[in-house]
Amino acid sequence: MNEYESSGIAAGIGAGVIFAYLAVIVVAVIGMWKTFEKAGKPGWAAIVPIYNIIILLEIVGKPMIWILWLIIPCVNLVFSVWLYNLVSKSYGKSEGFTVGLILLPFIFWPILGFGDAKYLGPSAAEAQNGFGNNPFNNPNNPFGNQNNPFNNPNDTPPTPPVV
């Protein structure tokens, strides 16, 4: 085997890897397209680079300032994981599905788009009311409404002394 034959084989392997990589990307984008359509957003937004992030932020209910956090190096890793977790929650999925969206997007975006998952609404709205199952529905009041020492209508402010 001479050097021309081995370079041709290497080029063929490289071309095969490139086509396989492009096929994986196309499958992930098609899944994201269908996911956007389930949320009532335009599906074509999945192929526009910055606009697809804006649509994802609208789907999960986060403010547009998150675009800044998603383009800052190192910070974007944390916010991307958080965004994918909110996408999973918006479609009624668990944290395990978030791990799948991060590690195997070409499998989990089509599952989200073509599967039986329904868009439940922005998951960030429930995060604004507090975290977890807060029985008092107010994260700043651990006492509830009946025993709230901060909001007693019988209390009157003290009057200043007369000098």
C-alpha atoms as a PDB file:
ATOM      1  CA  MET A   1       0.000   0.000   0.000  1.00  0.00           C
ATOM      2  CA  ASN A   2       1.510   3.306  -0.988  1.00  0.00           C
ATOM      3  CA  GLU A   3       0.970   6.733   0.540  1.00  0.00           C
ATOM      4  CA  TYR A   4      -1.710   7.701  -2.005  1.00  0.00           C
ATOM      5  CA  GLU A   5      -3.929   4.763  -1.111  1.00  0.00           C
ATOM      6  CA  SER A   6      -3.660   5.392   2.637  1.00  0.00           C
ATOM      7  CA  SER A   7      -4.443   9.092   2.248  1.00  0.00           C
ATOM      8  CA  GLY A   8      -7.517   8.199   0.186  1.00  0.00           C
ATOM      9  CA  ILE A   9      -8.699   5.838   2.904  1.00  0.00           C
ATOM     10  CA  ALA A  10      -8.162   8.522   5.542  1.00  0.00           C
ATOM     11  CA  ALA A  11     -10.128  11.032   3.453  1.00  0.00           C
ATOM     12  CA  GLY A  12     -12.971   8.553   3.092  1.00  0.00           C
ATOM     13  CA  ILE A  13     -13.070   7.934   6.840  1.00  0.00           C
ATOM     14  CA  GLY A  14     -12.990  11.683   7.503  1.00  0.00           C
ATOM     15  CA  ALA A  15     -15.853  12.312   5.071  1.00  0.00           C
ATOM     16  CA  GLY A  16     -17.874   9.519   6.695  1.00  0.00           C
ATOM     17  CA  VAL A  17     -17.360  11.036  10.151  1.00  0.00           C
ATOM     18  CA  ILE A  18     -18.412  14.468   8.886  1.00  0.00           C
ATOM     19  CA  PHE A  19     -21.618  13.083   7.326  1.00  0.00           C
ATOM     20  CA  ALA A  20     -22.442  11.139  10.503  1.00  0.00           C
ATOM     21  CA  TYR A  21     -21.873  14.279  12.609  1.00  0.00           C
ATOM     22  CA  LEU A  22     -24.108  16.355  10.334  1.00  0.00           C
ATOM     23  CA  ALA A  23     -26.817  13.676  10.509  1.00  0.00           C
ATOM     24  CA  VAL A  24     -26.726  13.784  14.317  1.00  0.00           C
ATOM     25  CA  ILE A  25     -27.034  17.588  14.273  1.00  0.00           C
ATOM     26  CA  VAL A  26     -29.965  17.450  11.833  1.00  0.00           C
ATOM     27  CA  VAL A  27     -31.806  14.940  14.044  1.00  0.00           C
ATOM     28  CA  ALA A  28     -31.313  17.166  17.118  1.00  0.00           C
ATOM     29  CA  VAL A  29     -32.504  20.274  15.239  1.00  0.00           C
ATOM     30  CA  ILE A  30     -35.609  18.464  13.934  1.00  0.00           C
ATOM     31  CA  GLY A  31     -36.432  17.416  17.500  1.00  0.00           C
ATOM     32  CA  MET A  32     -35.948  20.964  18.741  1.00  0.00           C
ATOM     33  CA  TRP A  33     -38.123  22.222  15.865  1.00  0.00           C
ATOM     34  CA  LYS A  34     -41.026  19.983  16.962  1.00  0.00           C
ATOM     35  CA  THR A  35     -40.466  20.948  20.614  1.00  0.00           C
ATOM     36  CA  PHE A  36     -40.797  24.625  19.726  1.00  0.00           C
ATOM     37  CA  GLU A  37     -44.000  23.920  17.799  1.00  0.00           C
ATOM     38  CA  LYS A  38     -45.479  22.103  20.814  1.00  0.00           C
ATOM     39  CA  ALA A  39     -44.961  25.273  22.842  1.00  0.00           C
ATOM     40  CA  GLY A  40     -46.714  27.370  20.188  1.00  0.00           C
ATOM     41  CA  LYS A  41     -43.511  28.977  18.935  1.00  0.00           C
ATOM     42  CA  PRO A  42     -42.237  28.965  15.348  1.00  0.00           C
ATOM     43  CA  GLY A  43     -40.351  25.760  14.600  1.00  0.00           C
ATOM     44  CA  TRP A  44     -37.950  27.409  12.167  1.00  0.00           C
ATOM     45  CA  ALA A  45     -36.481  29.313  15.131  1.00  0.00           C
ATOM     46  CA  ALA A  46     -34.547  26.161  16.035  1.00  0.00           C
ATOM     47  CA  ILE A  47     -32.121  26.771  13.163  1.00  0.00           C
ATOM     48  CA  VAL A  48     -31.397  30.459  13.875  1.00  0.00           C
ATOM     49  CA  PRO A  49     -28.443  30.629  16.301  1.00  0.00           C
ATOM     50  CA  ILE A  50     -29.279  33.382  18.828  1.00  0.00           C
ATOM     51  CA  TYR A  51     -33.016  33.456  18.171  1.00  0.00           C
ATOM     52  CA  ASN A  52     -33.416  29.830  19.309  1.00  0.00           C
ATOM     53  CA  ILE A  53     -32.063  30.831  22.724  1.00  0.00           C
ATOM     54  CA  ILE A  54     -34.583  33.679  22.873  1.00  0.00           C
ATOM     55  CA  ILE A  55     -37.378  31.232  22.080  1.00  0.00           C
ATOM     56  CA  LEU A  56     -36.134  28.796  24.741  1.00  0.00           C
ATOM     57  CA  LEU A  57     -36.148  31.643  27.278  1.00  0.00           C
ATOM     58  CA  GLU A  58     -39.738  32.466  26.304  1.00  0.00           C
ATOM     59  CA  ILE A  59     -40.737  28.813  26.641  1.00  0.00           C
ATOM     60  CA  VAL A  60     -39.361  28.540  30.182  1.00  0.00           C
ATOM     61  CA  GLY A  61     -40.386  32.056  31.245  1.00  0.00           C
ATOM     62  CA  LYS A  62     -37.000  33.585  31.980  1.00  0.00           C
ATOM     63  CA  PRO A  63     -36.103  37.235  31.249  1.00  0.00           C
ATOM     64  CA  MET A  64     -34.058  38.228  28.210  1.00  0.00           C
ATOM     65  CA  ILE A  65     -31.090  39.246  30.383  1.00  0.00           C
ATOM     66  CA  TRP A  66     -30.275  35.534  30.427  1.00  0.00           C
ATOM     67  CA  ILE A  67     -28.884  35.925  26.905  1.00  0.00           C
ATOM     68  CA  LEU A  68     -26.026  37.863  28.489  1.00  0.00           C
ATOM     69  CA  TRP A  69     -25.399  35.051  30.972  1.00  0.00           C
ATOM     70  CA  LEU A  70     -25.536  32.471  28.189  1.00  0.00           C
ATOM     71  CA  ILE A  71     -22.783  34.141  26.135  1.00  0.00           C
ATOM     72  CA  ILE A  72     -20.277  34.752  28.954  1.00  0.00           C
ATOM     73  CA  PRO A  73     -17.689  31.941  28.996  1.00  0.00           C
ATOM     74  CA  CYS A  74     -17.794  29.593  32.010  1.00  0.00           C
ATOM     75  CA  VAL A  75     -20.962  31.254  33.327  1.00  0.00           C
ATOM     76  CA  ASN A  76     -22.840  29.933  30.305  1.00  0.00           C
ATOM     77  CA  LEU A  77     -22.228  26.340  31.403  1.00  0.00           C
ATOM     78  CA  VAL A  78     -24.221  26.823  34.598  1.00  0.00           C
ATOM     79  CA  PHE A  79     -27.001  28.796  32.938  1.00  0.00           C
ATOM     80  CA  SER A  80     -27.244  26.335  30.026  1.00  0.00           C
ATOM     81  CA  VAL A  81     -27.756  23.428  32.408  1.00  0.00           C
ATOM     82  CA  TRP A  82     -30.325  25.495  34.312  1.00  0.00           C
ATOM     83  CA  LEU A  83     -32.097  26.422  31.060  1.00  0.00           C
ATOM     84  CA  TYR A  84     -32.248  22.789  29.919  1.00  0.00           C
ATOM     85  CA  ASN A  85     -33.601  21.790  33.322  1.00  0.00           C
ATOM     86  CA  LEU A  86     -36.347  24.414  33.007  1.00  0.00           C
ATOM     87  CA  VAL A  87     -37.144  23.120  29.513  1.00  0.00           C
ATOM     88  CA  SER A  88     -37.506  19.615  30.953  1.00  0.00           C
ATOM     89  CA  LYS A  89     -39.769  20.903  33.727  1.00  0.00           C
ATOM     90  CA  SER A  90     -41.866  22.891  31.233  1.00  0.00           C
ATOM     91  CA  TYR A  91     -42.688  19.635  29.475  1.00  0.00           C
ATOM     92  CA  GLY A  92     -43.281  17.669  32.687  1.00  0.00           C
ATOM     93  CA  LYS A  93     -39.995  15.764  32.662  1.00  0.00           C
ATOM     94  CA  SER A  94     -37.546  15.124  35.501  1.00  0.00           C
ATOM     95  CA  GLU A  95     -33.916  15.991  36.159  1.00  0.00           C
ATOM     96  CA  GLY A  96     -32.867  12.719  34.544  1.00  0.00           C
ATOM     97  CA  PHE A  97     -34.319  13.988  31.290  1.00  0.00           C
ATOM     98  CA  THR A  98     -32.231  17.144  31.726  1.00  0.00           C
ATOM     99  CA  VAL A  99     -29.091  14.996  31.887  1.00  0.00           C
ATOM    100  CA  GLY A 100     -30.228  13.317  28.676  1.00  0.00           C
ATOM    101  CA  LEU A 101     -30.767  16.677  26.950  1.00  0.00           C
ATOM    102  CA  ILE A 102     -27.238  17.691  27.883  1.00  0.00           C
ATOM    103  CA  LEU A 103     -25.372  14.459  27.099  1.00  0.00           C
ATOM    104  CA  LEU A 104     -27.438  12.991  24.244  1.00  0.00           C
ATOM    105  CA  PRO A 105     -29.367  15.857  22.616  1.00  0.00           C
ATOM    106  CA  PHE A 106     -29.797  13.958  19.337  1.00  0.00           C
ATOM    107  CA  ILE A 107     -31.890  11.385  21.227  1.00  0.00           C
ATOM    108  CA  PHE A 108     -33.704  13.475  23.838  1.00  0.00           C
ATOM    109  CA  TRP A 109     -34.796  16.479  21.710  1.00  0.00           C
ATOM    110  CA  PRO A 110     -36.688  14.147  19.320  1.00  0.00           C
ATOM    111  CA  ILE A 111     -38.192  12.330  22.323  1.00  0.00           C
ATOM    112  CA  LEU A 112     -39.412  15.688  23.619  1.00  0.00           C
ATOM    113  CA  GLY A 113     -40.616  16.837  20.205  1.00  0.00           C
ATOM    114  CA  PHE A 114     -42.197  13.675  18.830  1.00  0.00           C
ATOM    115  CA  GLY A 115     -43.081  11.918  22.104  1.00  0.00           C
ATOM    116  CA  ASP A 116     -46.135  12.249  24.301  1.00  0.00           C
ATOM    117  CA  ALA A 117     -44.735  15.145  26.372  1.00  0.00           C
ATOM    118  CA  LYS A 118     -47.095  18.107  26.537  1.00  0.00           C
ATOM    119  CA  TYR A 119     -46.092  21.709  27.069  1.00  0.00           C
ATOM    120  CA  LEU A 120     -47.303  22.611  30.559  1.00  0.00           C
ATOM    121  CA  GLY A 121     -46.308  26.264  30.487  1.00  0.00           C
ATOM    122  CA  PRO A 122     -43.283  28.177  31.717  1.00  0.00           C
ATOM    123  CA  SER A 123     -41.639  26.331  34.578  1.00  0.00           C
ATOM    124  CA  ALA A 124     -39.908  29.497  35.773  1.00  0.00           C
ATOM    125  CA  ALA A 125     -43.271  30.866  36.941  1.00  0.00           C
ATOM    126  CA  GLU A 126     -43.406  28.297  39.737  1.00  0.00           C
ATOM    127  CA  ALA A 127     -39.856  29.155  40.719  1.00  0.00           C
ATOM    128  CA  GLN A 128     -40.920  32.761  41.285  1.00  0.00           C
ATOM    129  CA  ASN A 129     -43.363  31.593  43.990  1.00  0.00           C
ATOM    130  CA  GLY A 130     -40.697  29.757  45.962  1.00  0.00           C
ATOM    131  CA  PHE A 131     -38.790  26.517  45.748  1.00  0.00           C
ATOM    132  CA  GLY A 132     -40.124  23.071  46.500  1.00  0.00           C
ATOM    133  CA  ASN A 133     -43.456  22.343  48.106  1.00  0.00           C
ATOM    134  CA  ASN A 134     -43.875  25.463  50.188  1.00  0.00           C
ATOM    135  CA  PRO A 135     -47.165  25.061  52.069  1.00  0.00           C
ATOM    136  CA  PHE A 136     -47.311  28.750  52.918  1.00  0.00           C
ATOM    137  CA  ASN A 137     -46.909  29.927  49.300  1.00  0.00           C
ATOM    138  CA  ASN A 138     -44.567  32.653  50.512  1.00  0.00           C
ATOM    139  CA  PRO A 139     -40.849  31.885  50.830  1.00  0.00           C
ATOM    140  CA  ASN A 140     -40.284  34.874  53.141  1.00  0.00           C
ATOM    141  CA  ASN A 141     -42.937  33.910  55.697  1.00  0.00           C
ATOM    142  CA  PRO A 142     -42.145  30.631  57.464  1.00  0.00           C
ATOM    143  CA  PHE A 143     -45.035  31.120  59.898  1.00  0.00           C
ATOM    144  CA  GLY A 144     -47.979  31.115  57.472  1.00  0.00           C
ATOM    145  CA  ASN A 145     -50.792  33.623  57.547  1.00  0.00           C
ATOM    146  CA  GLN A 146     -52.229  32.759  60.960  1.00  0.00           C
ATOM    147  CA  ASN A 147     -49.017  33.235  63.004  1.00  0.00           C
ATOM    148  CA  ASN A 148     -47.223  35.892  61.020  1.00  0.00           C
ATOM    149  CA  PRO A 149     -45.390  38.127  63.513  1.00  0.00           C
ATOM    150  CA  PHE A 150     -44.483  40.566  60.727  1.00  0.00           C
ATOM    151  CA  ASN A 151     -48.024  41.428  59.695  1.00  0.00           C
ATOM    152  CA  ASN A 152     -50.120  41.791  62.856  1.00  0.00           C
ATOM    153  CA  PRO A 153     -52.987  44.291  62.347  1.00  0.00           C
ATOM    154  CA  ASN A 154     -53.264  44.886  66.130  1.00  0.00           C
ATOM    155  CA  ASP A 155     -49.765  46.274  66.357  1.00  0.00           C
ATOM    156  CA  THR A 156     -49.384  50.030  66.262  1.00  0.00           C
ATOM    157  CA  PRO A 157     -46.068  51.735  65.775  1.00  0.00           C
ATOM    158  CA  PRO A 158     -44.600  53.258  68.918  1.00  0.00           C
ATOM    159  CA  THR A 159     -45.086  56.973  69.392  1.00  0.00           C
ATOM    160  CA  PRO A 160     -41.967  59.041  69.876  1.00  0.00           C
ATOM    161  CA  PRO A 161     -41.496  60.590  73.316  1.00  0.00           C
ATOM    162  CA  VAL A 162     -42.457  64.229  73.706  1.00  0.00           C
ATOM    163  CA  VAL A 163     -39.565  66.383  74.793  1.00  0.00           C
END
